[in-house]
Amino acid sequence: MTVTAEAEDTREQAEDTPARRRGREVPWRALLLQPLLIAAALGVFAVWRAGADLTDAEARPLGWSALGGTVLDHLQLVAVSAVVVLVVGIPLGVLLTRGPFRRATPLVLGIANTGQAAPAIGLFVLLATWLGFGFRSAVVALVLYSVLPVLRNTMVGLQGVDARLVEAGRGMGMSALAVLLRVELPLAVPVMLSGVRTALVLLVGTATLATFIDGGGLGLLITTGINLNLDSLLYSGALLVALLALAVDWLGRVVETLARPKGL
């Protein structure tokens, strides 16, 4: 070890103060607050639903079995769309940071930006007229609308990796694929997961529009409440979508915290 390296180690040890160590600790107290608030809101909703005086038009969609089926339909839309977004967005983001494929970055990002910049309801309807109404069209629209955060954050995370670390890996005899898997991707994980969390929250909220093309989901409660002037359906659907988005956001934060490399 050289004198410079020894001095660097001594400086890092001196700077590793208790305050910095506390900053690297997992903020479990803050993470536990959000699910408690979600559970409390669900409890209030359940109490209201059990004692509410509802008409037949309100009671049927707000029955526990019907409501559970609607929530499951919404989750299915979100889950299938999220899998497609990850399968498309992450590999494509990696590819666009490699060699000659960088030339295609403006074109691909332009298409992704167009998908998110377009009005969501217009995107749903246009795809439905082309692909037909139903679940498939809703998934395609959701993917186009939410792939940008995953794609962009994957690229930003990989581009933010220190080039000296990549050169060091290649100098140790590692292949380009090994450097990507063992150096670049682990360091880019925090930024990538932030994009995934953003995309999931977008999916939960935007999936309510799937009801306009017979895609199902909690949007059915909202649109029915508006069309029939039934506030109980409108507010119930809005509340459940908001709580579901908060729950997904919380799960994303937990995964981000657990997957963050030590020392970052």
Protein backbone atom coordinates (compact mmCIF):
# COMPACT_ATOMS: atom_id res chain seq x y z
CA MET A 1 0.00 0.00 0.00
CA THR A 2 1.34 3.39 -0.94
CA VAL A 3 1.54 6.42 1.32
CA THR A 4 -1.31 8.04 -0.61
CA ALA A 5 -3.55 5.00 -0.13
CA GLU A 6 -2.76 4.87 3.59
CA ALA A 7 -3.62 8.56 3.94
CA GLU A 8 -6.87 8.01 2.07
CA ASP A 9 -7.86 5.12 4.38
CA THR A 10 -7.05 7.22 7.44
CA ARG A 11 -9.16 10.11 6.12
CA GLU A 12 -12.15 7.83 5.38
CA GLN A 13 -11.95 6.32 8.88
CA ALA A 14 -11.85 9.78 10.43
CA GLU A 15 -14.83 10.92 8.40
CA ASP A 16 -16.90 7.85 9.37
CA THR A 17 -18.55 9.70 12.22
CA PRO A 18 -21.55 8.46 14.23
CA ALA A 19 -23.75 10.94 12.35
CA ARG A 20 -22.75 9.44 9.02
CA ARG A 21 -23.29 5.91 10.33
CA ARG A 22 -26.79 6.89 11.49
CA GLY A 23 -27.47 8.29 8.01
CA ARG A 24 -26.72 4.85 6.53
CA GLU A 25 -29.01 3.02 8.95
CA VAL A 26 -32.29 1.67 7.61
CA PRO A 27 -35.04 4.21 8.50
CA TRP A 28 -37.50 1.58 9.71
CA ARG A 29 -39.45 4.01 11.91
CA ALA A 30 -40.26 6.21 8.93
CA LEU A 31 -41.07 3.18 6.78
CA LEU A 32 -43.49 1.78 9.35
CA LEU A 33 -45.54 4.97 9.56
CA GLN A 34 -46.99 4.72 6.05
CA PRO A 35 -48.47 1.19 6.36
CA LEU A 36 -49.99 2.14 9.71
CA LEU A 37 -51.76 5.08 8.10
CA ILE A 38 -52.95 2.86 5.24
CA ALA A 39 -54.27 0.26 7.69
CA ALA A 40 -56.04 2.96 9.71
CA ALA A 41 -57.72 4.35 6.58
CA LEU A 42 -58.83 0.86 5.54
CA GLY A 43 -60.21 0.28 9.03
CA VAL A 44 -62.24 3.48 8.85
CA PHE A 45 -63.56 2.47 5.41
CA ALA A 46 -64.53 -0.99 6.68
CA VAL A 47 -66.37 0.48 9.66
CA TRP A 48 -68.21 2.94 7.39
CA ARG A 49 -69.11 0.18 4.92
CA ALA A 50 -70.46 -2.08 7.67
CA GLY A 51 -72.80 0.59 9.05
CA ALA A 52 -73.66 2.62 5.93
CA ASP A 53 -77.26 2.78 4.73
CA LEU A 54 -76.78 2.05 1.02
CA THR A 55 -79.21 1.62 -1.83
CA ASP A 56 -79.17 -1.53 -3.96
CA ALA A 57 -77.22 0.27 -6.68
CA GLU A 58 -74.55 1.15 -4.10
CA ALA A 59 -74.59 -2.04 -2.06
CA ARG A 60 -73.96 -4.43 -4.97
CA PRO A 61 -70.61 -3.00 -6.18
CA LEU A 62 -69.57 -2.26 -2.58
CA GLY A 63 -70.31 -5.79 -1.36
CA TRP A 64 -67.19 -7.43 -0.02
CA SER A 65 -67.07 -10.14 -2.72
CA ALA A 66 -67.73 -7.70 -5.57
CA LEU A 67 -65.32 -5.16 -4.14
CA GLY A 68 -62.64 -7.81 -3.71
CA GLY A 69 -63.05 -8.89 -7.32
CA THR A 70 -62.73 -5.29 -8.52
CA VAL A 71 -59.55 -4.78 -6.50
CA LEU A 72 -58.10 -8.04 -7.85
CA ASP A 73 -58.87 -6.94 -11.42
CA HIS A 74 -57.05 -3.68 -10.77
CA LEU A 75 -54.06 -5.49 -9.26
CA GLN A 76 -53.95 -7.86 -12.22
CA LEU A 77 -53.81 -4.93 -14.62
CA VAL A 78 -51.00 -3.35 -12.61
CA ALA A 79 -49.04 -6.58 -12.16
CA VAL A 80 -49.12 -7.66 -15.82
CA SER A 81 -48.25 -4.15 -17.01
CA ALA A 82 -45.42 -3.88 -14.46
CA VAL A 83 -43.86 -7.16 -15.61
CA VAL A 84 -43.93 -6.02 -19.24
CA VAL A 85 -42.49 -2.61 -18.30
CA LEU A 86 -39.59 -4.26 -16.44
CA VAL A 87 -38.93 -6.81 -19.17
CA VAL A 88 -38.85 -4.07 -21.82
CA GLY A 89 -37.51 -1.04 -19.94
CA ILE A 90 -34.49 -2.45 -18.09
CA PRO A 91 -32.87 -4.44 -20.94
CA LEU A 92 -33.55 -1.62 -23.38
CA GLY A 93 -32.03 0.91 -20.97
CA VAL A 94 -28.93 -1.26 -20.61
CA LEU A 95 -28.67 -1.71 -24.36
CA LEU A 96 -28.83 2.03 -25.03
CA THR A 97 -25.76 2.61 -22.84
CA ARG A 98 -23.65 0.12 -24.82
CA GLY A 99 -21.40 1.10 -27.72
CA PRO A 100 -23.10 1.74 -31.07
CA PHE A 101 -26.60 1.44 -29.61
CA ARG A 102 -26.15 4.85 -28.00
CA ARG A 103 -27.02 6.40 -31.36
CA ALA A 104 -30.58 5.15 -31.03
CA THR A 105 -31.07 6.86 -27.64
CA PRO A 106 -32.76 10.04 -28.94
CA LEU A 107 -35.22 8.02 -31.04
CA VAL A 108 -36.16 5.57 -28.27
CA LEU A 109 -36.46 8.26 -25.60
CA GLY A 110 -38.52 10.35 -28.00
CA ILE A 111 -40.99 7.50 -28.47
CA ALA A 112 -41.13 6.86 -24.72
CA ASN A 113 -41.63 10.56 -24.02
CA THR A 114 -44.45 10.68 -26.56
CA GLY A 115 -46.18 7.78 -24.83
CA GLN A 116 -46.15 9.60 -21.49
CA ALA A 117 -46.77 13.09 -22.86
CA ALA A 118 -49.93 12.04 -24.70
CA PRO A 119 -53.17 12.36 -22.72
CA ALA A 120 -53.70 9.02 -21.03
CA ILE A 121 -57.37 8.68 -21.89
CA GLY A 122 -56.60 9.48 -25.55
CA LEU A 123 -53.88 6.81 -25.57
CA PHE A 124 -56.31 4.24 -24.17
CA VAL A 125 -59.02 5.02 -26.71
CA LEU A 126 -56.67 5.11 -29.70
CA LEU A 127 -55.16 1.75 -28.83
CA ALA A 128 -58.62 0.30 -28.21
CA THR A 129 -59.76 1.32 -31.70
CA TRP A 130 -56.69 -0.44 -33.10
CA LEU A 131 -56.35 -3.51 -30.87
CA GLY A 132 -59.94 -3.83 -29.70
CA PHE A 133 -61.49 -3.13 -26.33
CA GLY A 134 -60.48 -5.19 -23.32
CA PHE A 135 -57.65 -6.22 -21.04
CA ARG A 136 -54.93 -6.48 -23.71
CA SER A 137 -55.39 -2.94 -25.00
CA ALA A 138 -55.38 -1.62 -21.44
CA VAL A 139 -52.06 -3.36 -20.72
CA VAL A 140 -50.45 -1.99 -23.89
CA ALA A 141 -51.59 1.54 -23.04
CA LEU A 142 -50.33 1.25 -19.47
CA VAL A 143 -46.94 -0.02 -20.65
CA LEU A 144 -46.52 2.84 -23.12
CA TYR A 145 -47.53 5.34 -20.47
CA SER A 146 -45.24 4.11 -17.68
CA VAL A 147 -42.12 2.67 -19.34
CA LEU A 148 -40.26 6.01 -19.45
CA PRO A 149 -39.22 6.21 -15.73
CA VAL A 150 -37.79 2.68 -15.82
CA LEU A 151 -35.99 3.22 -19.12
CA ARG A 152 -34.59 6.62 -18.22
CA ASN A 153 -33.51 5.70 -14.67
CA THR A 154 -31.78 2.56 -15.92
CA MET A 155 -29.76 4.66 -18.33
CA VAL A 156 -29.05 7.40 -15.77
CA GLY A 157 -28.00 4.85 -13.14
CA LEU A 158 -25.56 3.09 -15.47
CA GLN A 159 -24.17 6.35 -16.86
CA GLY A 160 -23.58 7.57 -13.30
CA VAL A 161 -21.22 4.71 -12.44
CA ASP A 162 -17.65 5.95 -12.04
CA ALA A 163 -15.73 5.13 -15.23
CA ARG A 164 -12.63 4.33 -13.15
CA LEU A 165 -14.47 1.40 -11.55
CA VAL A 166 -15.37 0.04 -14.97
CA GLU A 167 -11.77 0.41 -16.12
CA ALA A 168 -10.54 -1.30 -12.97
CA GLY A 169 -12.84 -4.24 -13.62
CA ARG A 170 -11.66 -4.57 -17.20
CA GLY A 171 -8.08 -4.27 -15.99
CA MET A 172 -8.65 -7.28 -13.71
CA GLY A 173 -9.53 -9.35 -16.76
CA MET A 174 -13.33 -9.21 -16.41
CA SER A 175 -15.39 -9.36 -19.57
CA ALA A 176 -17.76 -6.54 -20.52
CA LEU A 177 -20.72 -8.68 -19.40
CA ALA A 178 -19.08 -9.47 -16.07
CA VAL A 179 -18.36 -5.77 -15.46
CA LEU A 180 -21.99 -4.95 -16.24
CA LEU A 181 -23.39 -7.63 -13.91
CA ARG A 182 -20.89 -7.32 -11.06
CA VAL A 183 -19.98 -3.63 -11.08
CA GLU A 184 -22.33 -1.39 -13.04
CA LEU A 185 -25.76 -2.85 -12.29
CA PRO A 186 -25.21 -3.22 -8.50
CA LEU A 187 -24.12 0.42 -8.28
CA ALA A 188 -27.02 1.58 -10.47
CA VAL A 189 -29.65 -0.31 -8.43
CA PRO A 190 -30.78 2.64 -6.23
CA VAL A 191 -31.50 4.87 -9.25
CA MET A 192 -33.13 2.02 -11.18
CA LEU A 193 -35.41 1.09 -8.29
CA SER A 194 -36.49 4.70 -7.95
CA GLY A 195 -37.68 4.58 -11.56
CA VAL A 196 -39.48 1.28 -10.95
CA ARG A 197 -41.29 2.74 -7.93
CA THR A 198 -42.37 5.77 -9.94
CA ALA A 199 -43.66 3.55 -12.74
CA LEU A 200 -45.65 1.37 -10.33
CA VAL A 201 -47.38 4.36 -8.77
CA LEU A 202 -48.18 5.67 -12.27
CA LEU A 203 -49.62 2.27 -13.17
CA VAL A 204 -51.91 2.15 -10.15
CA GLY A 205 -53.38 5.57 -10.84
CA THR A 206 -53.60 5.32 -14.62
CA ALA A 207 -55.17 1.84 -14.50
CA THR A 208 -58.41 3.50 -13.38
CA LEU A 209 -58.82 4.67 -17.00
CA ALA A 210 -58.96 1.06 -18.22
CA THR A 211 -62.66 1.04 -17.42
CA PHE A 212 -63.32 3.26 -20.46
CA ILE A 213 -62.17 0.43 -22.77
CA ASP A 214 -63.67 -2.46 -20.76
CA GLY A 215 -60.39 -3.21 -19.03
CA GLY A 216 -61.90 -3.47 -15.55
CA GLY A 217 -60.40 -2.21 -12.33
CA LEU A 218 -61.34 0.29 -9.67
CA GLY A 219 -62.10 2.92 -12.27
CA LEU A 220 -65.47 1.21 -12.66
CA LEU A 221 -66.51 2.40 -9.22
CA ILE A 222 -65.45 5.96 -9.99
CA THR A 223 -67.18 6.19 -13.36
CA THR A 224 -70.34 4.56 -12.03
CA GLY A 225 -70.41 6.98 -9.13
CA ILE A 226 -70.07 9.93 -11.51
CA ASN A 227 -72.63 8.70 -14.05
CA LEU A 228 -75.27 7.77 -11.48
CA ASN A 229 -74.43 10.58 -9.05
CA LEU A 230 -73.60 8.08 -6.29
CA ASP A 231 -71.03 9.73 -4.07
CA SER A 232 -70.45 6.59 -2.03
CA LEU A 233 -69.14 4.72 -5.09
CA LEU A 234 -67.10 7.67 -6.29
CA TYR A 235 -65.39 8.29 -2.96
CA SER A 236 -64.88 4.58 -2.28
CA GLY A 237 -63.17 4.02 -5.62
CA ALA A 238 -60.98 7.11 -5.22
CA LEU A 239 -60.00 6.14 -1.67
CA LEU A 240 -59.09 2.57 -2.61
CA VAL A 241 -56.98 3.71 -5.58
CA ALA A 242 -55.15 6.22 -3.39
CA LEU A 243 -54.49 3.64 -0.68
CA LEU A 244 -53.32 1.11 -3.24
CA ALA A 245 -50.91 3.65 -4.71
CA LEU A 246 -49.58 4.45 -1.23
CA ALA A 247 -49.13 0.73 -0.51
CA VAL A 248 -47.22 0.18 -3.75
CA ASP A 249 -45.08 3.24 -3.06
CA TRP A 250 -44.28 1.89 0.43
CA LEU A 251 -43.31 -1.53 -0.92
CA GLY A 252 -41.05 0.18 -3.45
CA ARG A 253 -39.38 2.20 -0.70
CA VAL A 254 -38.77 -0.96 1.34
CA VAL A 255 -37.20 -2.73 -1.63
CA GLU A 256 -35.06 0.35 -2.40
CA THR A 257 -33.81 0.42 1.20
CA LEU A 258 -33.01 -3.29 1.36
CA ALA A 259 -31.41 -3.43 -2.10
CA ARG A 260 -29.23 -0.35 -1.65
CA PRO A 261 -25.53 -1.39 -1.64
CA LYS A 262 -23.84 -0.93 1.71
CA GLY A 263 -21.97 2.33 2.04
CA LEU A 264 -24.26 4.28 -0.29
